Amino acid sequence: MPPGVREAFRTLYREHRPGADDAAAGLWLDALIADGRYAEEVYAAG
């Protein structure tokens, strides 16, 4: 699921930033992660 969430964030960024491409969206998400503004919690149920 995390890859889908990351892609959703990148898609939203591109939709709300005219002219933004995949690379810009990736840099934006990387900056969120580096700044501690986005974190993923992944667990396995079994």
N, C-alpha and C. Protein backbone atom coordinates (compact mmCIF):
# COMPACT_ATOMS: atom_id res chain seq x y z
N MET A 1 0.80 -1.20 0.00
CA MET A 1 0.00 0.00 0.00
C MET A 1 0.85 1.27 0.00
N PRO A 2 1.98 1.30 0.70
CA PRO A 2 2.77 2.53 0.70
C PRO A 2 3.12 3.05 -0.69
N PRO A 3 3.48 2.19 -1.65
CA PRO A 3 3.78 2.74 -2.98
C PRO A 3 2.58 3.46 -3.58
N GLY A 4 1.39 2.95 -3.35
CA GLY A 4 0.18 3.60 -3.86
C GLY A 4 -0.06 4.95 -3.20
N VAL A 5 0.23 5.04 -1.92
CA VAL A 5 0.05 6.30 -1.19
C VAL A 5 1.06 7.33 -1.70
N ARG A 6 2.30 6.89 -1.87
CA ARG A 6 3.33 7.81 -2.41
C ARG A 6 2.93 8.32 -3.79
N GLU A 7 2.43 7.42 -4.63
CA GLU A 7 2.03 7.83 -5.98
C GLU A 7 0.85 8.79 -5.92
N ALA A 8 -0.07 8.57 -4.99
CA ALA A 8 -1.21 9.49 -4.84
C ALA A 8 -0.72 10.88 -4.45
N PHE A 9 0.25 10.97 -3.54
CA PHE A 9 0.80 12.26 -3.16
C PHE A 9 1.47 12.95 -4.35
N ARG A 10 2.25 12.17 -5.11
CA ARG A 10 2.91 12.76 -6.28
C ARG A 10 1.89 13.23 -7.32
N THR A 11 0.84 12.46 -7.51
CA THR A 11 -0.21 12.85 -8.45
C THR A 11 -0.88 14.14 -8.01
N LEU A 12 -1.21 14.24 -6.74
CA LEU A 12 -1.83 15.47 -6.23
C LEU A 12 -0.91 16.67 -6.42
N TYR A 13 0.38 16.47 -6.17
CA TYR A 13 1.33 17.57 -6.36
C TYR A 13 1.32 18.04 -7.80
N ARG A 14 1.40 17.09 -8.74
CA ARG A 14 1.41 17.45 -10.16
C ARG A 14 0.12 18.15 -10.57
N GLU A 15 -1.00 17.72 -10.02
CA GLU A 15 -2.29 18.32 -10.37
C GLU A 15 -2.43 19.76 -9.85
N HIS A 16 -1.76 20.05 -8.74
CA HIS A 16 -1.91 21.37 -8.12
C HIS A 16 -0.73 22.31 -8.36
N ARG A 17 0.27 21.82 -9.08
CA ARG A 17 1.44 22.64 -9.43
C ARG A 17 1.57 22.65 -10.95
N PRO A 18 1.02 23.64 -11.61
CA PRO A 18 1.11 23.68 -13.07
C PRO A 18 2.56 23.55 -13.55
N GLY A 19 2.77 22.68 -14.51
CA GLY A 19 4.10 22.49 -15.06
C GLY A 19 4.96 21.51 -14.30
N ALA A 20 4.49 21.02 -13.16
CA ALA A 20 5.29 20.07 -12.38
C ALA A 20 5.33 18.72 -13.09
N ASP A 21 6.49 18.09 -13.07
CA ASP A 21 6.63 16.78 -13.68
C ASP A 21 6.89 15.73 -12.59
N ASP A 22 7.12 14.49 -13.02
CA ASP A 22 7.35 13.41 -12.05
C ASP A 22 8.57 13.69 -11.17
N ALA A 23 9.61 14.24 -11.77
CA ALA A 23 10.83 14.52 -11.00
C ALA A 23 10.57 15.55 -9.91
N ALA A 24 9.85 16.61 -10.24
CA ALA A 24 9.54 17.65 -9.24
C ALA A 24 8.67 17.08 -8.13
N ALA A 25 7.71 16.25 -8.50
CA ALA A 25 6.84 15.64 -7.48
C ALA A 25 7.64 14.73 -6.56
N GLY A 26 8.60 14.00 -7.14
CA GLY A 26 9.44 13.14 -6.32
C GLY A 26 10.32 13.92 -5.38
N LEU A 27 10.89 15.01 -5.85
CA LEU A 27 11.71 15.86 -4.98
C LEU A 27 10.89 16.46 -3.85
N TRP A 28 9.66 16.87 -4.17
CA TRP A 28 8.78 17.43 -3.15
C TRP A 28 8.49 16.39 -2.07
N LEU A 29 8.15 15.17 -2.49
CA LEU A 29 7.85 14.12 -1.51
C LEU A 29 9.09 13.77 -0.70
N ASP A 30 10.25 13.70 -1.35
CA ASP A 30 11.50 13.44 -0.63
C ASP A 30 11.76 14.51 0.42
N ALA A 31 11.45 15.77 0.10
CA ALA A 31 11.65 16.86 1.05
C ALA A 31 10.69 16.71 2.24
N LEU A 32 9.46 16.30 1.98
CA LEU A 32 8.52 16.07 3.08
C LEU A 32 9.05 15.01 4.03
N ILE A 33 9.58 13.94 3.45
CA ILE A 33 10.13 12.85 4.26
C ILE A 33 11.34 13.33 5.05
N ALA A 34 12.25 14.04 4.40
CA ALA A 34 13.47 14.54 5.06
C ALA A 34 13.15 15.51 6.18
N ASP A 35 12.09 16.29 6.01
CA ASP A 35 11.70 17.27 7.03
C ASP A 35 10.87 16.65 8.16
N GLY A 36 10.59 15.36 8.05
CA GLY A 36 9.79 14.69 9.07
C GLY A 36 8.30 15.02 8.98
N ARG A 37 7.86 15.50 7.81
CA ARG A 37 6.46 15.88 7.64
C ARG A 37 5.63 14.76 7.06
N TYR A 38 6.28 13.68 6.63
CA TYR A 38 5.59 12.52 6.11
C TYR A 38 6.34 11.28 6.57
N ALA A 39 5.62 10.34 7.13
CA ALA A 39 6.22 9.09 7.57
C ALA A 39 5.28 7.95 7.23
N GLU A 40 5.84 6.80 6.96
CA GLU A 40 5.03 5.63 6.66
C GLU A 40 5.14 4.65 7.82
N GLU A 41 4.02 4.07 8.13
CA GLU A 41 3.99 3.01 9.12
C GLU A 41 3.44 1.78 8.40
N VAL A 42 4.26 0.80 8.29
CA VAL A 42 3.88 -0.40 7.57
C VAL A 42 3.89 -1.56 8.55
N TYR A 43 2.85 -2.35 8.53
CA TYR A 43 2.80 -3.52 9.38
C TYR A 43 2.20 -4.69 8.60
N ALA A 44 2.49 -5.85 9.05
CA ALA A 44 1.97 -7.05 8.40
C ALA A 44 1.04 -7.75 9.38
N ALA A 45 -0.10 -8.11 8.91
CA ALA A 45 -1.04 -8.87 9.72
C ALA A 45 -0.95 -10.33 9.30
N GLY A 46 -1.02 -11.18 10.25
CA GLY A 46 -0.89 -12.57 9.83
C GLY A 46 -1.33 -13.53 10.80
